[in-house]
Amino acid sequence: MASKRDLNRIKELKVEIPYYGELSTSESKEKESYKKLVVELKKELEFLEKKVGKKKA
């Protein structure tokens, strides 16, 4: 069974990714930093979903 911590983090990531994705398209100076952050968050989400998927099987 998937840990509650992993499931909560997946929920958080699904909220954070679109938020930072919007910031990465803004005109701010940190635009590139947000793009990099979105990539890292997507990798973390993918990893956690695979981990949770394996535990469910």
PDB file of N, CA and C in Angstrom:
ATOM      1  N   MET A   1       0.838  -1.191   0.000  1.00  0.00           N
ATOM      2  CA  MET A   1       0.000   0.000   0.000  1.00  0.00           C
ATOM      3  C   MET A   1       0.877   1.247   0.000  1.00  0.00           C
ATOM      4  N   ALA A   2       0.462   2.253  -0.716  1.00  0.00           N
ATOM      5  CA  ALA A   2       1.216   3.496  -0.831  1.00  0.00           C
ATOM      6  C   ALA A   2       1.180   4.247   0.497  1.00  0.00           C
ATOM      7  N   SER A   3       2.287   4.898   0.799  1.00  0.00           N
ATOM      8  CA  SER A   3       2.332   5.657   2.049  1.00  0.00           C
ATOM      9  C   SER A   3       1.494   6.925   1.914  1.00  0.00           C
ATOM     10  N   LYS A   4       0.959   7.349   3.021  1.00  0.00           N
ATOM     11  CA  LYS A   4       0.126   8.543   3.041  1.00  0.00           C
ATOM     12  C   LYS A   4       0.960   9.763   2.640  1.00  0.00           C
ATOM     13  N   ARG A   5       2.215   9.754   3.027  1.00  0.00           N
ATOM     14  CA  ARG A   5       3.119  10.863   2.692  1.00  0.00           C
ATOM     15  C   ARG A   5       3.280  10.986   1.170  1.00  0.00           C
ATOM     16  N   ASP A   6       3.491   9.855   0.502  1.00  0.00           N
ATOM     17  CA  ASP A   6       3.640   9.870  -0.961  1.00  0.00           C
ATOM     18  C   ASP A   6       2.367  10.359  -1.637  1.00  0.00           C
ATOM     19  N   LEU A   7       1.234   9.879  -1.175  1.00  0.00           N
ATOM     20  CA  LEU A   7      -0.047  10.285  -1.772  1.00  0.00           C
ATOM     21  C   LEU A   7      -0.302  11.779  -1.577  1.00  0.00           C
ATOM     22  N   ASN A   8       0.028  12.283  -0.397  1.00  0.00           N
ATOM     23  CA  ASN A   8      -0.151  13.715  -0.142  1.00  0.00           C
ATOM     24  C   ASN A   8       0.783  14.541  -1.018  1.00  0.00           C
ATOM     25  N   ARG A   9       2.010  14.075  -1.203  1.00  0.00           N
ATOM     26  CA  ARG A   9       2.961  14.808  -2.039  1.00  0.00           C
ATOM     27  C   ARG A   9       2.497  14.830  -3.499  1.00  0.00           C
ATOM     28  N   ILE A  10       1.910  13.734  -3.963  1.00  0.00           N
ATOM     29  CA  ILE A  10       1.378  13.689  -5.329  1.00  0.00           C
ATOM     30  C   ILE A  10       0.284  14.742  -5.483  1.00  0.00           C
ATOM     31  N   LYS A  11      -0.601  14.845  -4.501  1.00  0.00           N
ATOM     32  CA  LYS A  11      -1.664  15.852  -4.548  1.00  0.00           C
ATOM     33  C   LYS A  11      -1.069  17.257  -4.585  1.00  0.00           C
ATOM     34  N   GLU A  12      -0.043  17.496  -3.744  1.00  0.00           N
ATOM     35  CA  GLU A  12       0.602  18.806  -3.712  1.00  0.00           C
ATOM     36  C   GLU A  12       1.233  19.134  -5.062  1.00  0.00           C
ATOM     37  N   LEU A  13       1.919  18.160  -5.644  1.00  0.00           N
ATOM     38  CA  LEU A  13       2.591  18.382  -6.927  1.00  0.00           C
ATOM     39  C   LEU A  13       1.603  18.709  -8.028  1.00  0.00           C
ATOM     40  N   LYS A  14       0.445  18.065  -8.010  1.00  0.00           N
ATOM     41  CA  LYS A  14      -0.562  18.313  -9.041  1.00  0.00           C
ATOM     42  C   LYS A  14      -1.121  19.726  -8.943  1.00  0.00           C
ATOM     43  N   VAL A  15      -0.980  20.357  -7.782  1.00  0.00           N
ATOM     44  CA  VAL A  15      -1.383  21.758  -7.615  1.00  0.00           C
ATOM     45  C   VAL A  15      -0.212  22.681  -7.949  1.00  0.00           C
ATOM     46  N   GLU A  16       0.988  22.315  -7.491  1.00  0.00           N
ATOM     47  CA  GLU A  16       2.158  23.172  -7.673  1.00  0.00           C
ATOM     48  C   GLU A  16       2.606  23.281  -9.126  1.00  0.00           C
ATOM     49  N   ILE A  17       2.556  22.197  -9.868  1.00  0.00           N
ATOM     50  CA  ILE A  17       3.061  22.208 -11.245  1.00  0.00           C
ATOM     51  C   ILE A  17       2.323  23.234 -12.110  1.00  0.00           C
ATOM     52  N   PRO A  18       0.987  23.249 -12.122  1.00  0.00           N
ATOM     53  CA  PRO A  18       0.311  24.274 -12.935  1.00  0.00           C
ATOM     54  C   PRO A  18       0.604  25.704 -12.452  1.00  0.00           C
ATOM     55  N   TYR A  19       0.720  25.874 -11.138  1.00  0.00           N
ATOM     56  CA  TYR A  19       0.998  27.189 -10.568  1.00  0.00           C
ATOM     57  C   TYR A  19       2.351  27.706 -11.053  1.00  0.00           C
ATOM     58  N   TYR A  20       3.379  26.900 -10.890  1.00  0.00           N
ATOM     59  CA  TYR A  20       4.711  27.319 -11.321  1.00  0.00           C
ATOM     60  C   TYR A  20       4.809  27.356 -12.844  1.00  0.00           C
ATOM     61  N   GLY A  21       4.018  26.550 -13.518  1.00  0.00           N
ATOM     62  CA  GLY A  21       3.966  26.606 -14.970  1.00  0.00           C
ATOM     63  C   GLY A  21       3.476  27.961 -15.446  1.00  0.00           C
ATOM     64  N   GLU A  22       2.486  28.501 -14.763  1.00  0.00           N
ATOM     65  CA  GLU A  22       1.982  29.845 -15.094  1.00  0.00           C
ATOM     66  C   GLU A  22       3.066  30.890 -14.858  1.00  0.00           C
ATOM     67  N   LEU A  23       3.788  30.768 -13.753  1.00  0.00           N
ATOM     68  CA  LEU A  23       4.841  31.727 -13.453  1.00  0.00           C
ATOM     69  C   LEU A  23       5.975  31.650 -14.481  1.00  0.00           C
ATOM     70  N   SER A  24       6.208  30.450 -15.017  1.00  0.00           N
ATOM     71  CA  SER A  24       7.295  30.289 -15.978  1.00  0.00           C
ATOM     72  C   SER A  24       6.990  30.951 -17.318  1.00  0.00           C
ATOM     73  N   THR A  25       5.736  31.306 -17.532  1.00  0.00           N
ATOM     74  CA  THR A  25       5.378  31.991 -18.776  1.00  0.00           C
ATOM     75  C   THR A  25       5.204  33.490 -18.552  1.00  0.00           C
ATOM     76  N   SER A  26       5.405  33.929 -17.311  1.00  0.00           N
ATOM     77  CA  SER A  26       5.255  35.350 -17.003  1.00  0.00           C
ATOM     78  C   SER A  26       6.468  36.130 -17.495  1.00  0.00           C
ATOM     79  N   GLU A  27       6.420  37.406 -17.317  1.00  0.00           N
ATOM     80  CA  GLU A  27       7.511  38.280 -17.753  1.00  0.00           C
ATOM     81  C   GLU A  27       8.538  38.513 -16.642  1.00  0.00           C
ATOM     82  N   SER A  28       8.474  37.735 -15.590  1.00  0.00           N
ATOM     83  CA  SER A  28       9.378  37.957 -14.458  1.00  0.00           C
ATOM     84  C   SER A  28      10.810  37.552 -14.777  1.00  0.00           C
ATOM     85  N   LYS A  29      11.716  38.068 -13.974  1.00  0.00           N
ATOM     86  CA  LYS A  29      13.138  37.770 -14.137  1.00  0.00           C
ATOM     87  C   LYS A  29      13.437  36.311 -13.786  1.00  0.00           C
ATOM     88  N   GLU A  30      12.605  35.732 -12.965  1.00  0.00           N
ATOM     89  CA  GLU A  30      12.807  34.357 -12.506  1.00  0.00           C
ATOM     90  C   GLU A  30      12.196  33.326 -13.446  1.00  0.00           C
ATOM     91  N   LYS A  31      11.792  33.744 -14.600  1.00  0.00           N
ATOM     92  CA  LYS A  31      11.102  32.884 -15.581  1.00  0.00           C
ATOM     93  C   LYS A  31      11.838  31.563 -15.803  1.00  0.00           C
ATOM     94  N   GLU A  32      13.137  31.619 -16.044  1.00  0.00           N
ATOM     95  CA  GLU A  32      13.926  30.408 -16.296  1.00  0.00           C
ATOM     96  C   GLU A  32      13.991  29.515 -15.061  1.00  0.00           C
ATOM     97  N   SER A  33      14.081  30.125 -13.891  1.00  0.00           N
ATOM     98  CA  SER A  33      14.112  29.345 -12.648  1.00  0.00           C
ATOM     99  C   SER A  33      12.815  28.559 -12.476  1.00  0.00           C
ATOM    100  N   TYR A  34      11.699  29.210 -12.801  1.00  0.00           N
ATOM    101  CA  TYR A  34      10.410  28.529 -12.703  1.00  0.00           C
ATOM    102  C   TYR A  34      10.307  27.391 -13.703  1.00  0.00           C
ATOM    103  N   LYS A  35      10.840  27.586 -14.907  1.00  0.00           N
ATOM    104  CA  LYS A  35      10.811  26.517 -15.901  1.00  0.00           C
ATOM    105  C   LYS A  35      11.589  25.305 -15.394  1.00  0.00           C
ATOM    106  N   LYS A  36      12.757  25.544 -14.821  1.00  0.00           N
ATOM    107  CA  LYS A  36      13.574  24.453 -14.278  1.00  0.00           C
ATOM    108  C   LYS A  36      12.851  23.774 -13.120  1.00  0.00           C
ATOM    109  N   LEU A  37      12.220  24.564 -12.275  1.00  0.00           N
ATOM    110  CA  LEU A  37      11.482  24.014 -11.143  1.00  0.00           C
ATOM    111  C   LEU A  37      10.344  23.123 -11.620  1.00  0.00           C
ATOM    112  N   VAL A  38       9.620  23.546 -12.643  1.00  0.00           N
ATOM    113  CA  VAL A  38       8.507  22.752 -13.187  1.00  0.00           C
ATOM    114  C   VAL A  38       9.027  21.409 -13.685  1.00  0.00           C
ATOM    115  N   VAL A  39      10.167  21.414 -14.361  1.00  0.00           N
ATOM    116  CA  VAL A  39      10.750  20.167 -14.864  1.00  0.00           C
ATOM    117  C   VAL A  39      11.081  19.236 -13.698  1.00  0.00           C
ATOM    118  N   GLU A  40      11.686  19.777 -12.654  1.00  0.00           N
ATOM    119  CA  GLU A  40      12.041  18.963 -11.492  1.00  0.00           C
ATOM    120  C   GLU A  40      10.793  18.425 -10.789  1.00  0.00           C
ATOM    121  N   LEU A  41       9.776  19.253 -10.650  1.00  0.00           N
ATOM    122  CA  LEU A  41       8.536  18.814 -10.000  1.00  0.00           C
ATOM    123  C   LEU A  41       7.848  17.719 -10.805  1.00  0.00           C
ATOM    124  N   LYS A  42       7.882  17.829 -12.134  1.00  0.00           N
ATOM    125  CA  LYS A  42       7.281  16.792 -12.982  1.00  0.00           C
ATOM    126  C   LYS A  42       8.027  15.473 -12.827  1.00  0.00           C
ATOM    127  N   LYS A  43       9.352  15.544 -12.720  1.00  0.00           N
ATOM    128  CA  LYS A  43      10.146  14.329 -12.510  1.00  0.00           C
ATOM    129  C   LYS A  43       9.786  13.686 -11.180  1.00  0.00           C
ATOM    130  N   GLU A  44       9.650  14.512 -10.143  1.00  0.00           N
ATOM    131  CA  GLU A  44       9.289  13.997  -8.820  1.00  0.00           C
ATOM    132  C   GLU A  44       7.909  13.351  -8.864  1.00  0.00           C
ATOM    133  N   LEU A  45       6.962  13.997  -9.529  1.00  0.00           N
ATOM    134  CA  LEU A  45       5.606  13.459  -9.642  1.00  0.00           C
ATOM    135  C   LEU A  45       5.617  12.120 -10.367  1.00  0.00           C
ATOM    136  N   GLU A  46       6.341  12.043 -11.469  1.00  0.00           N
ATOM    137  CA  GLU A  46       6.429  10.805 -12.235  1.00  0.00           C
ATOM    138  C   GLU A  46       7.020   9.680 -11.384  1.00  0.00           C
ATOM    139  N   PHE A  47       8.081   9.997 -10.655  1.00  0.00           N
ATOM    140  CA  PHE A  47       8.719   9.006  -9.787  1.00  0.00           C
ATOM    141  C   PHE A  47       7.744   8.508  -8.722  1.00  0.00           C
ATOM    142  N   LEU A  48       7.053   9.428  -8.067  1.00  0.00           N
ATOM    143  CA  LEU A  48       6.115   9.044  -7.007  1.00  0.00           C
ATOM    144  C   LEU A  48       4.947   8.229  -7.552  1.00  0.00           C
ATOM    145  N   GLU A  49       4.444   8.605  -8.727  1.00  0.00           N
ATOM    146  CA  GLU A  49       3.333   7.849  -9.310  1.00  0.00           C
ATOM    147  C   GLU A  49       3.765   6.427  -9.656  1.00  0.00           C
ATOM    148  N   LYS A  50       4.987   6.271 -10.146  1.00  0.00           N
ATOM    149  CA  LYS A  50       5.491   4.918 -10.426  1.00  0.00           C
ATOM    150  C   LYS A  50       5.649   4.141  -9.129  1.00  0.00           C
ATOM    151  N   LYS A  51       6.184   4.793  -8.113  1.00  0.00           N
ATOM    152  CA  LYS A  51       6.395   4.145  -6.812  1.00  0.00           C
ATOM    153  C   LYS A  51       5.061   3.707  -6.210  1.00  0.00           C
ATOM    154  N   VAL A  52       4.085   4.574  -6.248  1.00  0.00           N
ATOM    155  CA  VAL A  52       2.752   4.259  -5.710  1.00  0.00           C
ATOM    156  C   VAL A  52       2.091   3.171  -6.544  1.00  0.00           C
ATOM    157  N   GLY A  53       2.252   3.245  -7.851  1.00  0.00           N
ATOM    158  CA  GLY A  53       1.684   2.238  -8.743  1.00  0.00           C
ATOM    159  C   GLY A  53       2.222   0.851  -8.456  1.00  0.00           C
ATOM    160  N   LYS A  54       3.507   0.758  -8.179  1.00  0.00           N
ATOM    161  CA  LYS A  54       4.127  -0.532  -7.867  1.00  0.00           C
ATOM    162  C   LYS A  54       3.607  -1.075  -6.544  1.00  0.00           C
ATOM    163  N   LYS A  55       3.386  -0.185  -5.581  1.00  0.00           N
ATOM    164  CA  LYS A  55       2.907  -0.632  -4.274  1.00  0.00           C
ATOM    165  C   LYS A  55       1.467  -1.125  -4.340  1.00  0.00           C
ATOM    166  N   LYS A  56       0.678  -0.560  -5.254  1.00  0.00           N
ATOM    167  CA  LYS A  56      -0.711  -0.972  -5.380  1.00  0.00           C
ATOM    168  C   LYS A  56      -0.823  -2.353  -6.017  1.00  0.00           C
ATOM    169  N   ALA A  57       0.128  -2.691  -6.868  1.00  0.00           N
ATOM    170  CA  ALA A  57       0.076  -3.954  -7.593  1.00  0.00           C
ATOM    171  C   ALA A  57       0.301  -5.142  -6.697  1.00  0.00           C
TER     172      ALA A  57
END
